[in-house]
C-alpha atoms as a PDB file:
ATOM      1  CA  MET A   1       8.298   0.195 -42.122  1.00  0.00           C
ATOM      2  CA  PRO A   2       5.889  -0.317 -39.205  1.00  0.00           C
ATOM      3  CA  ALA A   3       5.388   2.359 -36.553  1.00  0.00           C
ATOM      4  CA  ALA A   4       7.927   2.497 -33.725  1.00  0.00           C
ATOM      5  CA  LYS A   5       5.218   1.591 -31.204  1.00  0.00           C
ATOM      6  CA  VAL A   6       2.301  -0.825 -31.560  1.00  0.00           C
ATOM      7  CA  SER A   7      -0.619   0.337 -29.431  1.00  0.00           C
ATOM      8  CA  SER A   8      -2.034  -3.156 -28.873  1.00  0.00           C
ATOM      9  CA  GLY A   9      -0.481  -6.607 -28.752  1.00  0.00           C
ATOM     10  CA  LEU A  10      -3.392  -7.785 -30.899  1.00  0.00           C
ATOM     11  CA  GLY A  11      -2.511  -5.458 -33.749  1.00  0.00           C
ATOM     12  CA  ALA A  12      -0.808  -6.355 -37.014  1.00  0.00           C
ATOM     13  CA  ILE A  13       2.370  -4.830 -38.413  1.00  0.00           C
ATOM     14  CA  THR A  14       2.624  -3.894 -42.076  1.00  0.00           C
ATOM     15  CA  ILE A  15       5.501  -3.228 -44.446  1.00  0.00           C
ATOM     16  CA  ARG A  16       4.672  -1.246 -47.563  1.00  0.00           C
ATOM     17  CA  LEU A  17       6.682  -2.228 -50.645  1.00  0.00           C
ATOM     18  CA  ASN A  18       7.269  -0.146 -53.754  1.00  0.00           C
ATOM     19  CA  GLY A  19       5.153  -2.494 -55.852  1.00  0.00           C
ATOM     20  CA  PRO A  20       2.762  -5.430 -55.568  1.00  0.00           C
ATOM     21  CA  ALA A  21       3.905  -7.891 -52.916  1.00  0.00           C
ATOM     22  CA  ASP A  22       4.823 -11.395 -54.078  1.00  0.00           C
ATOM     23  CA  ALA A  23       4.023 -14.329 -51.784  1.00  0.00           C
ATOM     24  CA  SER A  24       7.083 -16.187 -53.080  1.00  0.00           C
ATOM     25  CA  SER A  25       9.351 -13.445 -51.734  1.00  0.00           C
ATOM     26  CA  PRO A  26      11.134 -14.408 -48.492  1.00  0.00           C
ATOM     27  CA  ALA A  27       9.167 -13.202 -45.490  1.00  0.00           C
ATOM     28  CA  PRO A  28      10.610 -10.729 -43.003  1.00  0.00           C
ATOM     29  CA  LEU A  29      11.884 -12.133 -39.688  1.00  0.00           C
ATOM     30  CA  LEU A  30      10.827 -11.170 -36.182  1.00  0.00           C
ATOM     31  CA  LYS A  31      13.072 -11.521 -33.143  1.00  0.00           C
ATOM     32  CA  PRO A  32      12.066 -12.743 -30.627  1.00  0.00           C
ATOM     33  CA  SER A  33       9.922 -15.043 -32.723  1.00  0.00           C
ATOM     34  CA  VAL A  34       6.139 -14.730 -32.563  1.00  0.00           C
ATOM     35  CA  ALA A  35       3.561 -17.289 -33.652  1.00  0.00           C
ATOM     36  CA  GLY A  36       1.624 -15.824 -36.551  1.00  0.00           C
ATOM     37  CA  THR A  37       1.408 -15.515 -40.323  1.00  0.00           C
ATOM     38  CA  TRP A  38       2.545 -13.147 -43.031  1.00  0.00           C
ATOM     39  CA  SER A  39       0.093 -12.246 -45.766  1.00  0.00           C
ATOM     40  CA  PHE A  40       0.717 -10.317 -48.982  1.00  0.00           C
ATOM     41  CA  TRP A  41      -1.869  -8.056 -50.567  1.00  0.00           C
ATOM     42  CA  ALA A  42      -1.390  -5.219 -53.039  1.00  0.00           C
ATOM     43  CA  ASP A  43       1.863  -3.512 -51.993  1.00  0.00           C
ATOM     44  CA  ASN A  44       1.627  -4.606 -48.362  1.00  0.00           C
ATOM     45  CA  ALA A  45       3.240  -7.434 -46.412  1.00  0.00           C
ATOM     46  CA  THR A  46       1.335  -7.846 -43.126  1.00  0.00           C
ATOM     47  CA  PHE A  47       2.072  -9.972 -40.054  1.00  0.00           C
ATOM     48  CA  ARG A  48      -0.742 -10.961 -37.688  1.00  0.00           C
ATOM     49  CA  PRO A  49       0.114 -12.725 -34.418  1.00  0.00           C
ATOM     50  CA  THR A  50      -1.799 -15.930 -33.686  1.00  0.00           C
ATOM     51  CA  THR A  51      -2.681 -14.645 -30.203  1.00  0.00           C
ATOM     52  CA  SER A  52      -0.765 -11.510 -29.270  1.00  0.00           C
ATOM     53  CA  PHE A  53       2.587  -9.821 -29.239  1.00  0.00           C
ATOM     54  CA  ALA A  54       4.034  -9.977 -25.731  1.00  0.00           C
ATOM     55  CA  PRO A  55       2.930  -6.998 -23.601  1.00  0.00           C
ATOM     56  CA  CYS A  56       5.512  -4.227 -23.145  1.00  0.00           C
ATOM     57  CA  ALA A  57       8.002  -6.179 -25.281  1.00  0.00           C
ATOM     58  CA  SER A  58      10.439  -4.896 -27.923  1.00  0.00           C
ATOM     59  CA  TYR A  59      11.024  -6.622 -31.268  1.00  0.00           C
ATOM     60  CA  THR A  60      13.512  -6.415 -34.117  1.00  0.00           C
ATOM     61  CA  LEU A  61      12.161  -6.799 -37.637  1.00  0.00           C
ATOM     62  CA  THR A  62      14.641  -7.852 -40.340  1.00  0.00           C
ATOM     63  CA  LEU A  63      13.880  -7.506 -44.051  1.00  0.00           C
ATOM     64  CA  PRO A  64      15.987 -10.137 -45.858  1.00  0.00           C
ATOM     65  CA  ALA A  65      18.139  -9.091 -48.784  1.00  0.00           C
ATOM     66  CA  GLY A  66      16.031 -11.287 -51.078  1.00  0.00           C
ATOM     67  CA  LEU A  67      12.747  -9.497 -50.314  1.00  0.00           C
ATOM     68  CA  TYR A  68      11.212  -8.126 -53.508  1.00  0.00           C
ATOM     69  CA  ALA A  69       8.046  -6.742 -55.030  1.00  0.00           C
ATOM     70  CA  THR A  70       6.675  -7.979 -58.353  1.00  0.00           C
ATOM     71  CA  ALA A  71       8.569  -6.483 -61.303  1.00  0.00           C
ATOM     72  CA  HIS A  72      11.187  -4.989 -58.971  1.00  0.00           C
ATOM     73  CA  LYS A  73      14.683  -6.057 -58.022  1.00  0.00           C
ATOM     74  CA  PRO A  74      15.341  -7.716 -54.662  1.00  0.00           C
ATOM     75  CA  LEU A  75      16.152  -5.414 -51.761  1.00  0.00           C
ATOM     76  CA  GLY A  76      19.829  -6.345 -52.165  1.00  0.00           C
ATOM     77  CA  HIS A  77      20.884  -5.978 -48.531  1.00  0.00           C
ATOM     78  CA  ALA A  78      19.139  -6.779 -45.275  1.00  0.00           C
ATOM     79  CA  GLN A  79      17.535  -3.957 -43.331  1.00  0.00           C
ATOM     80  CA  THR A  80      16.405  -3.956 -39.710  1.00  0.00           C
ATOM     81  CA  THR A  81      14.081  -1.833 -37.649  1.00  0.00           C
ATOM     82  CA  SER A  82      12.734  -2.060 -34.126  1.00  0.00           C
ATOM     83  CA  PHE A  83       9.339  -1.513 -32.568  1.00  0.00           C
ATOM     84  CA  SER A  84       7.819  -1.881 -29.130  1.00  0.00           C
ATOM     85  CA  VAL A  85       4.426  -3.034 -27.936  1.00  0.00           C
ATOM     86  CA  ALA A  86       2.452  -0.874 -25.524  1.00  0.00           C
ATOM     87  CA  CYS A  87       1.748  -2.207 -22.053  1.00  0.00           C
ATOM     88  CA  PRO A  88      -1.838  -3.181 -21.262  1.00  0.00           C
ATOM     89  CA  SER A  89      -4.075  -0.715 -19.442  1.00  0.00           C
ATOM     90  CA  VAL A  90      -4.487  -0.278 -15.684  1.00  0.00           C
ATOM     91  CA  LYS A  91      -7.913  -1.914 -16.020  1.00  0.00           C
ATOM     92  CA  ALA A  92      -6.209  -5.001 -17.478  1.00  0.00           C
ATOM     93  CA  LEU A  93      -3.757  -5.013 -14.556  1.00  0.00           C
ATOM     94  CA  GLN A  94      -6.662  -4.822 -12.094  1.00  0.00           C
ATOM     95  CA  GLU A  95      -8.445  -7.719 -13.776  1.00  0.00           C
ATOM     96  CA  ALA A  96      -5.286  -9.857 -13.735  1.00  0.00           C
ATOM     97  CA  LEU A  97      -4.651  -9.113 -10.040  1.00  0.00           C
ATOM     98  CA  ALA A  98      -8.295  -9.871  -9.236  1.00  0.00           C
ATOM     99  CA  ARG A  99      -8.156 -13.233 -11.054  1.00  0.00           C
ATOM    100  CA  LEU A 100      -5.013 -14.069  -9.076  1.00  0.00           C
ATOM    101  CA  ASN A 101      -6.670 -13.191  -5.729  1.00  0.00           C
ATOM    102  CA  TYR A 102      -4.557 -10.096  -5.004  1.00  0.00           C
ATOM    103  CA  LEU A 103      -7.561  -7.754  -5.053  1.00  0.00           C
ATOM    104  CA  PRO A 104     -10.773  -8.127  -3.020  1.00  0.00           C
ATOM    105  CA  TYR A 105     -12.835  -8.055  -6.222  1.00  0.00           C
ATOM    106  CA  LYS A 106     -14.107 -10.639  -8.695  1.00  0.00           C
ATOM    107  CA  LEU A 107     -14.584 -10.138 -12.411  1.00  0.00           C
ATOM    108  CA  GLU A 108     -18.181 -10.699 -13.513  1.00  0.00           C
ATOM    109  CA  SER A 109     -20.023 -10.175 -16.757  1.00  0.00           C
ATOM    110  CA  PHE A 110     -22.920  -7.741 -16.658  1.00  0.00           C
ATOM    111  CA  SER A 111     -25.232 -10.761 -16.810  1.00  0.00           C
ATOM    112  CA  GLY A 112     -23.743 -12.038 -13.540  1.00  0.00           C
ATOM    113  CA  VAL A 113     -21.539 -14.791 -14.994  1.00  0.00           C
ATOM    114  CA  GLY A 114     -18.186 -15.110 -13.216  1.00  0.00           C
ATOM    115  CA  LEU A 115     -15.147 -14.500 -15.408  1.00  0.00           C
ATOM    116  CA  ASN A 116     -12.486 -15.632 -12.915  1.00  0.00           C
ATOM    117  CA  VAL A 117     -11.660 -18.732 -14.961  1.00  0.00           C
ATOM    118  CA  PRO A 118      -8.319 -20.327 -15.921  1.00  0.00           C
ATOM    119  CA  LEU A 119      -6.904 -19.001 -19.185  1.00  0.00           C
ATOM    120  CA  THR A 120      -4.217 -20.064 -21.615  1.00  0.00           C
ATOM    121  CA  THR A 121      -1.256 -17.691 -21.832  1.00  0.00           C
ATOM    122  CA  GLY A 122      -2.416 -16.602 -25.278  1.00  0.00           C
ATOM    123  CA  LEU A 123      -5.976 -15.961 -24.147  1.00  0.00           C
ATOM    124  CA  ALA A 124      -4.719 -14.095 -21.090  1.00  0.00           C
ATOM    125  CA  ALA A 125      -2.658 -11.861 -23.385  1.00  0.00           C
ATOM    126  CA  GLN A 126      -5.649 -11.303 -25.651  1.00  0.00           C
ATOM    127  CA  ARG A 127      -7.829 -10.322 -22.708  1.00  0.00           C
ATOM    128  CA  ALA A 128      -5.139  -7.953 -21.490  1.00  0.00           C
ATOM    129  CA  TYR A 129      -5.733  -5.881 -24.624  1.00  0.00           C
ATOM    130  CA  ALA A 130      -9.372  -6.710 -25.470  1.00  0.00           C
ATOM    131  CA  LEU A 131     -10.947  -6.651 -22.029  1.00  0.00           C
ATOM    132  CA  PRO A 132     -14.022  -8.853 -21.437  1.00  0.00           C
ATOM    133  CA  HIS A 133     -17.371  -7.121 -21.135  1.00  0.00           C
ATOM    134  CA  GLY A 134     -17.595  -7.206 -17.351  1.00  0.00           C
ATOM    135  CA  TRP A 135     -17.035  -5.380 -14.098  1.00  0.00           C
ATOM    136  CA  LEU A 136     -15.073  -5.851 -10.893  1.00  0.00           C
ATOM    137  CA  LYS A 137     -17.457  -6.730  -8.069  1.00  0.00           C
ATOM    138  CA  ARG A 138     -16.491  -6.219  -4.428  1.00  0.00           C
ATOM    139  CA  ASP A 139     -15.788  -9.542  -2.702  1.00  0.00           C
ATOM    140  CA  TYR A 140     -15.978  -8.460   0.918  1.00  0.00           C
ATOM    141  CA  ARG A 141     -18.091  -5.882   2.709  1.00  0.00           C
ATOM    142  CA  SER A 142     -16.035  -2.835   3.755  1.00  0.00           C
ATOM    143  CA  SER A 143     -12.995  -3.900   1.697  1.00  0.00           C
ATOM    144  CA  PRO A 144     -10.929  -1.037   0.218  1.00  0.00           C
ATOM    145  CA  THR A 145     -12.344   1.001  -2.651  1.00  0.00           C
ATOM    146  CA  LEU A 146     -11.262   0.241  -6.222  1.00  0.00           C
ATOM    147  CA  LYS A 147     -11.356   2.819  -9.016  1.00  0.00           C
ATOM    148  CA  PRO A 148     -11.504   0.872 -12.301  1.00  0.00           C
ATOM    149  CA  GLY A 149      -8.894   1.995 -14.779  1.00  0.00           C
ATOM    150  CA  GLN A 150      -6.964   4.084 -12.229  1.00  0.00           C
ATOM    151  CA  MET A 151      -3.729   3.278 -10.448  1.00  0.00           C
ATOM    152  CA  ASP A 152      -5.429   3.978  -7.134  1.00  0.00           C
ATOM    153  CA  PRO A 153      -4.068   3.083  -3.658  1.00  0.00           C
ATOM    154  CA  THR A 154      -5.820  -0.321  -3.624  1.00  0.00           C
ATOM    155  CA  THR A 155      -4.341  -1.315  -6.991  1.00  0.00           C
ATOM    156  CA  THR A 156      -0.910   0.020  -6.004  1.00  0.00           C
ATOM    157  CA  GLY A 157      -0.994  -1.980  -2.775  1.00  0.00           C
ATOM    158  CA  ALA A 158      -2.090  -5.182  -4.512  1.00  0.00           C
ATOM    159  CA  LEU A 159       0.730  -4.872  -7.057  1.00  0.00           C
ATOM    160  CA  GLU A 160       3.256  -4.305  -4.245  1.00  0.00           C
ATOM    161  CA  VAL A 161       2.093  -7.453  -2.434  1.00  0.00           C
ATOM    162  CA  TRP A 162       2.363  -9.397  -5.717  1.00  0.00           C
ATOM    163  CA  GLU A 163       5.867  -7.995  -6.319  1.00  0.00           C
ATOM    164  CA  GLN A 164       7.066  -9.148  -2.894  1.00  0.00           C
ATOM    165  CA  ASP A 165       5.711 -12.634  -3.578  1.00  0.00           C
ATOM    166  CA  HIS A 166       7.788 -12.716  -6.768  1.00  0.00           C
ATOM    167  CA  ASP A 167      11.014 -11.126  -5.459  1.00  0.00           C
ATOM    168  CA  ILE A 168      10.514  -8.000  -7.581  1.00  0.00           C
ATOM    169  CA  SER A 169      11.503  -4.585  -6.248  1.00  0.00           C
ATOM    170  CA  ILE A 170       8.498  -2.914  -4.664  1.00  0.00           C
ATOM    171  CA  GLY A 171       7.243  -0.035  -6.771  1.00  0.00           C
ATOM    172  CA  THR A 172       8.358  -1.440 -10.128  1.00  0.00           C
ATOM    173  CA  ALA A 173       5.899  -0.266 -12.782  1.00  0.00           C
ATOM    174  CA  PRO A 174       4.213  -3.037 -14.781  1.00  0.00           C
ATOM    175  CA  ASP A 175       6.792  -3.918 -17.427  1.00  0.00           C
ATOM    176  CA  ALA A 176       7.503  -6.822 -19.791  1.00  0.00           C
ATOM    177  CA  GLY A 177       8.784  -9.065 -16.989  1.00  0.00           C
ATOM    178  CA  ILE A 178       5.827  -8.399 -14.725  1.00  0.00           C
ATOM    179  CA  TRP A 179       3.315  -8.982 -17.496  1.00  0.00           C
ATOM    180  CA  HIS A 180       5.080 -12.190 -18.562  1.00  0.00           C
ATOM    181  CA  SER A 181       4.719 -13.518 -15.003  1.00  0.00           C
ATOM    182  CA  LEU A 182       1.108 -12.353 -14.667  1.00  0.00           C
ATOM    183  CA  LEU A 183       0.059 -14.055 -17.917  1.00  0.00           C
ATOM    184  CA  SER A 184       1.902 -17.251 -17.014  1.00  0.00           C
ATOM    185  CA  GLU A 185       0.241 -17.371 -13.603  1.00  0.00           C
ATOM    186  CA  GLU A 186      -3.182 -16.775 -15.108  1.00  0.00           C
ATOM    187  CA  ALA A 187      -2.566 -19.684 -17.463  1.00  0.00           C
ATOM    188  CA  HIS A 188      -1.720 -21.920 -14.490  1.00  0.00           C
ATOM    189  CA  ASN A 189      -4.432 -20.463 -12.228  1.00  0.00           C
ATOM    190  CA  ALA A 190      -1.684 -19.723  -9.690  1.00  0.00           C
ATOM    191  CA  ARG A 191      -3.852 -17.797  -7.243  1.00  0.00           C
ATOM    192  CA  ASN A 192      -2.574 -16.124  -4.091  1.00  0.00           C
ATOM    193  CA  PRO A 193      -3.190 -18.683  -1.321  1.00  0.00           C
ATOM    194  CA  ARG A 194      -3.298 -16.066   1.450  1.00  0.00           C
ATOM    195  CA  PRO A 195      -6.458 -14.212   2.464  1.00  0.00           C
ATOM    196  CA  TYR A 196      -6.838 -10.591   1.399  1.00  0.00           C
ATOM    197  CA  THR A 197      -5.746  -8.597   4.471  1.00  0.00           C
ATOM    198  CA  TRP A 198      -6.384  -4.967   5.383  1.00  0.00           C
ATOM    199  CA  VAL A 199      -6.803  -2.676   8.403  1.00  0.00           C
ATOM    200  CA  THR A 200      -9.661  -0.349   9.321  1.00  0.00           C
ATOM    201  CA  VAL A 201      -9.318   2.447  11.880  1.00  0.00           C
ATOM    202  CA  THR A 202     -12.363   4.302  13.226  1.00  0.00           C
ATOM    203  CA  GLU A 203     -11.545   7.826  14.345  1.00  0.00           C
ATOM    204  CA  ASN A 204     -13.613   9.944  16.779  1.00  0.00           C
ATOM    205  CA  THR A 205     -15.632   6.981  18.066  1.00  0.00           C
ATOM    206  CA  LYS A 206     -15.962   5.767  21.643  1.00  0.00           C
ATOM    207  CA  PRO A 207     -13.722   3.865  21.774  1.00  0.00           C
ATOM    208  CA  GLU A 208     -11.575   4.353  18.689  1.00  0.00           C
ATOM    209  CA  LEU A 209     -10.944   0.919  17.194  1.00  0.00           C
ATOM    210  CA  LEU A 210      -8.464  -0.806  14.897  1.00  0.00           C
ATOM    211  CA  LYS A 211      -9.519  -4.006  13.133  1.00  0.00           C
ATOM    212  CA  VAL A 212      -7.479  -6.405  11.007  1.00  0.00           C
ATOM    213  CA  HIS A 213      -9.579  -8.083   8.319  1.00  0.00           C
ATOM    214  CA  GLU A 214      -8.845 -11.322   6.464  1.00  0.00           C
ATOM    215  CA  ASN A 215     -11.381 -11.803   3.689  1.00  0.00           C
ATOM    216  CA  ASN A 216     -14.745 -11.735   5.497  1.00  0.00           C
ATOM    217  CA  ARG A 217     -13.289 -12.278   8.996  1.00  0.00           C
ATOM    218  CA  VAL A 218     -12.086  -9.779  11.565  1.00  0.00           C
ATOM    219  CA  VAL A 219      -9.085 -11.471  13.196  1.00  0.00           C
ATOM    220  CA  ILE A 220      -7.917  -8.678  15.519  1.00  0.00           C
ATOM    221  CA  THR A 221      -9.938  -5.904  17.209  1.00  0.00           C
ATOM    222  CA  SER A 222      -8.267  -3.443  19.553  1.00  0.00           C
ATOM    223  CA  PRO A 223      -8.833  -0.022  21.110  1.00  0.00           C
ATOM    224  CA  THR A 224      -6.476   2.417  19.421  1.00  0.00           C
ATOM    225  CA  ASN A 225      -5.353   6.030  19.659  1.00  0.00           C
ATOM    226  CA  THR A 226      -5.415   8.449  16.729  1.00  0.00           C
ATOM    227  CA  GLY A 227      -4.259  12.058  16.423  1.00  0.00           C
ATOM    228  CA  ILE A 228      -5.273  14.882  18.743  1.00  0.00           C
ATOM    229  CA  PRO A 229      -7.183  17.921  17.335  1.00  0.00           C
ATOM    230  CA  GLY A 230      -4.872  19.858  15.055  1.00  0.00           C
ATOM    231  CA  ARG A 231      -2.725  16.764  14.494  1.00  0.00           C
ATOM    232  CA  ASP A 232      -5.546  14.505  13.352  1.00  0.00           C
ATOM    233  CA  THR A 233      -4.872  11.212  11.615  1.00  0.00           C
ATOM    234  CA  ALA A 234      -5.835  11.892   7.996  1.00  0.00           C
ATOM    235  CA  THR A 235      -8.824   9.899   6.783  1.00  0.00           C
ATOM    236  CA  GLY A 236      -8.526   7.872   3.595  1.00  0.00           C
ATOM    237  CA  GLU A 237      -7.179   4.598   2.221  1.00  0.00           C
ATOM    238  CA  TYR A 238      -3.426   4.055   2.081  1.00  0.00           C
ATOM    239  CA  PRO A 239      -1.115   1.132   1.274  1.00  0.00           C
ATOM    240  CA  ILE A 240       1.583   0.427   3.872  1.00  0.00           C
ATOM    241  CA  TYR A 241       4.839   1.589   2.268  1.00  0.00           C
ATOM    242  CA  VAL A 242       7.555   0.635   4.781  1.00  0.00           C
ATOM    243  CA  ARG A 243       7.770  -1.366   8.029  1.00  0.00           C
ATOM    244  CA  PHE A 244      10.171  -1.673  10.980  1.00  0.00           C
ATOM    245  CA  THR A 245      10.247  -3.977  13.958  1.00  0.00           C
ATOM    246  CA  ALA A 246      11.584  -0.922  15.825  1.00  0.00           C
ATOM    247  CA  THR A 247      12.610   2.591  14.802  1.00  0.00           C
ATOM    248  CA  THR A 248      13.209   6.092  16.126  1.00  0.00           C
ATOM    249  CA  MET A 249      10.333   8.530  15.620  1.00  0.00           C
ATOM    250  CA  SER A 250      11.042  12.254  15.801  1.00  0.00           C
ATOM    251  CA  GLY A 251       9.218  15.468  15.040  1.00  0.00           C
ATOM    252  CA  THR A 252       7.678  18.584  16.536  1.00  0.00           C
ATOM    253  CA  ASN A 253       5.193  18.757  19.395  1.00  0.00           C
ATOM    254  CA  PRO A 254       2.186  21.107  19.241  1.00  0.00           C
ATOM    255  CA  ASP A 255       4.044  23.577  21.505  1.00  0.00           C
ATOM    256  CA  GLY A 256       6.951  23.730  19.055  1.00  0.00           C
ATOM    257  CA  SER A 257       9.348  21.586  21.052  1.00  0.00           C
ATOM    258  CA  HIS A 258      11.150  18.679  19.428  1.00  0.00           C
ATOM    259  CA  TYR A 259      10.696  15.036  20.338  1.00  0.00           C
ATOM    260  CA  SER A 260      12.711  11.927  19.544  1.00  0.00           C
ATOM    261  CA  ASP A 261      11.410   8.532  20.644  1.00  0.00           C
ATOM    262  CA  PRO A 262      13.894   5.677  20.051  1.00  0.00           C
ATOM    263  CA  GLY A 263      12.829   2.066  19.856  1.00  0.00           C
ATOM    264  CA  VAL A 264       9.193   2.555  18.854  1.00  0.00           C
ATOM    265  CA  PRO A 265       8.110  -1.041  18.081  1.00  0.00           C
ATOM    266  CA  TRP A 266       6.106  -2.800  15.376  1.00  0.00           C
ATOM    267  CA  VAL A 267       5.852   0.129  12.961  1.00  0.00           C
ATOM    268  CA  ASN A 268       3.793   0.152   9.719  1.00  0.00           C
ATOM    269  CA  TYR A 269       4.051   3.516   7.887  1.00  0.00           C
ATOM    270  CA  PHE A 270       1.058   4.191   5.637  1.00  0.00           C
ATOM    271  CA  ASN A 271       0.750   7.975   5.079  1.00  0.00           C
ATOM    272  CA  GLY A 272       3.818  10.189   5.345  1.00  0.00           C
ATOM    273  CA  GLY A 273       4.848  10.079   8.996  1.00  0.00           C
ATOM    274  CA  ASP A 274       1.659   8.357  10.141  1.00  0.00           C
ATOM    275  CA  ALA A 275       2.048   4.720  11.124  1.00  0.00           C
ATOM    276  CA  VAL A 276       0.313   1.913  12.955  1.00  0.00           C
ATOM    277  CA  HIS A 277       2.652   1.050  15.827  1.00  0.00           C
ATOM    278  CA  GLY A 278       2.992   0.094  19.461  1.00  0.00           C
ATOM    279  CA  PHE A 279       3.215   2.780  22.144  1.00  0.00           C
ATOM    280  CA  ILE A 280       2.841   2.719  25.914  1.00  0.00           C
ATOM    281  CA  ARG A 281      -0.132   4.726  27.176  1.00  0.00           C
ATOM    282  CA  PRO A 282      -2.169   4.537  30.379  1.00  0.00           C
ATOM    283  CA  ALA A 283      -5.272   3.804  28.269  1.00  0.00           C
ATOM    284  CA  TYR A 284      -6.317   3.383  24.650  1.00  0.00           C
ATOM    285  CA  GLY A 285      -9.373   4.251  22.590  1.00  0.00           C
ATOM    286  CA  TYR A 286      -9.282   8.025  22.179  1.00  0.00           C
ATOM    287  CA  PRO A 287      -7.125  10.692  20.438  1.00  0.00           C
ATOM    288  CA  GLN A 288      -3.671  10.962  22.030  1.00  0.00           C
ATOM    289  CA  SER A 289      -1.087  10.726  19.248  1.00  0.00           C
ATOM    290  CA  LEU A 290       0.403  13.297  16.864  1.00  0.00           C
ATOM    291  CA  GLY A 291      -1.179  11.549  13.872  1.00  0.00           C
ATOM    292  CA  CYS A 292      -0.130   7.935  14.287  1.00  0.00           C
ATOM    293  CA  VAL A 293      -2.374   4.988  15.132  1.00  0.00           C
ATOM    294  CA  GLU A 294      -1.151   3.680  18.476  1.00  0.00           C
ATOM    295  CA  LEU A 295      -1.736   0.219  19.912  1.00  0.00           C
ATOM    296  CA  PRO A 296      -0.755  -1.643  23.077  1.00  0.00           C
ATOM    297  CA  ILE A 297       2.678  -3.205  22.528  1.00  0.00           C
ATOM    298  CA  THR A 298       1.531  -6.838  22.595  1.00  0.00           C
ATOM    299  CA  THR A 299      -1.335  -6.092  20.205  1.00  0.00           C
ATOM    300  CA  ALA A 300       0.940  -4.115  17.882  1.00  0.00           C
ATOM    301  CA  GLU A 301       3.228  -7.137  17.589  1.00  0.00           C
ATOM    302  CA  LYS A 302       0.314  -9.377  16.587  1.00  0.00           C
ATOM    303  CA  VAL A 303      -0.875  -6.790  14.060  1.00  0.00           C
ATOM    304  CA  TYR A 304       2.645  -6.424  12.630  1.00  0.00           C
ATOM    305  CA  TYR A 305       2.908 -10.116  11.793  1.00  0.00           C
ATOM    306  CA  GLN A 306      -0.488 -10.068  10.054  1.00  0.00           C
ATOM    307  CA  LEU A 307       0.589  -7.388   7.595  1.00  0.00           C
ATOM    308  CA  MET A 308       3.057  -6.650   4.811  1.00  0.00           C
ATOM    309  CA  VAL A 309       3.996  -3.729   2.581  1.00  0.00           C
ATOM    310  CA  GLY A 310       1.068  -3.034   0.235  1.00  0.00           C
ATOM    311  CA  ASP A 311      -1.668  -4.021   2.679  1.00  0.00           C
ATOM    312  CA  MET A 312      -4.249  -1.263   3.035  1.00  0.00           C
ATOM    313  CA  VAL A 313      -4.992   0.957   6.027  1.00  0.00           C
ATOM    314  CA  ASP A 314      -8.468   2.548   5.866  1.00  0.00           C
ATOM    315  CA  VAL A 315      -8.940   5.450   8.299  1.00  0.00           C
ATOM    316  CA  SER A 316     -12.516   6.720   8.600  1.00  0.00           C
ATOM    317  CA  GLY A 317     -13.818   9.627  10.688  1.00  0.00           C
END
């Protein structure tokens, strides 16, 4: 019988018989069905898919009762076994998201030829397992960093944005359903119509600034407040993980006392308890918060409606 897990959707599955295989013997059956052909050689019966087994999918293989090897009796009773197909790599996920305009990168060959072209579903599945000889090139200056082959914050955020667009629970790992949708969209060139959006925050500058980027444009620039010494806003790149139009924020002040601020508006949490949000201050542009990124209320509302869960916040010192 074949192995319980097929490492690539492009691979073949083989049944070894107890004698030379006979092409006139009834072929085994796959469910769900897969386009492909059975071939018989020596004591092996081998199935090769025309394009690919479906990523992350599970299959049942039935050996009919009439299956036989030359000079041997038929099997006599049907037998079944199951096997699963491995999911494509993180690099394949990144390439699919880039082709669909959910990452600020384009796939190019090393000779400079663009590879962001429409694909058939079969070809998209093939490329998911046999990646093209290319690299992901940054689309926009200062856009978030991408680590090829790693489920980094930028890739995580892009997948979360894609999941929201497709009514899939945020944080669902790439599974059979997600890959089915990704391949179908690649075949139809169903690219994200929205611009790629992210936030940059400059810490310890005069003034400290928050900017909202859409592709190559900066659409909002505002003085902002980051964390005071000892409660600094951590630098790094983070996807927004939850948002509230208003919420209560509580914690501990530097002197050990407790605070609880109800009704904090236009909140975008991106790193633990750190969030981009509105807060009333006499002035903005220098460290005043306990780690959050504070904005004037009216600006915070505008920023809130530019963003969604999965959009990146890049804090630099």
